[in-house]
Amino acid sequence: MTKSWMRAALCGGLLGIFAGTALASDYRLGDLEIGQPWTRATVAGQPAAGAYFSIHNAGSDPDRLVSVESPVARAAELHDMKVENGVMKMRPLADGVAVPAGATVELAPGGMHVMLLGPEGALKPGQQVPLRLTFEKAGTVEVELTVEKPGAKAASPAQGHDAGHGKAMNHGTGG
């Protein structure tokens, strides 16, 4: 076995390990793919925490995320943030989150997100937090939020607070 072949095999093995790790936090429910669910670390007594992930609908029918719940929070709700008259406002999404056919919806900082109200104790970096997602048509799936460090993956200033977060993105048009 030559050294270059051994290096290629080692690199391939490492890529496989990292690829497996990246896919480990993605979930599937029928035609829906829930990608990279996460939240930020909190301190004990913090009143709320946001949770974020993407939902890709590979099917030909639209669906809707209608409810969320977690055993580590008093309540979980779907919320959206928007700037109205120069003031950032957050409001519950009473009708849930639409997931159009063939589109990806992002729940991200500064846009739509899950609000975990009254988390029990501190959420610590590296911890896994269970979250149950119920869709109107596809049913229910349980995912695990990875707790990231405080300040992780915040929306960049260029993204603003309403720069397309929460809006369906169609990746099938090439645009």
Foldseek 3Di string as FASTA:
>chain_A
DDPVVVVVVVVVVVVVVVVCVLCVQWDDQPQKIKHQKAWAKDAAPPFKTWIWIKIFRQDQAKKFFQAKAFPQAPGKFKKFWDQDPNDIDIDTDNRGAIHGHQWMAICAALTITMMRGHGHGIDDAQDWTWMWIQMPPRGIDIGTHGYHYPPPPHDDVVCPNPNQHSPIDRVPPVD
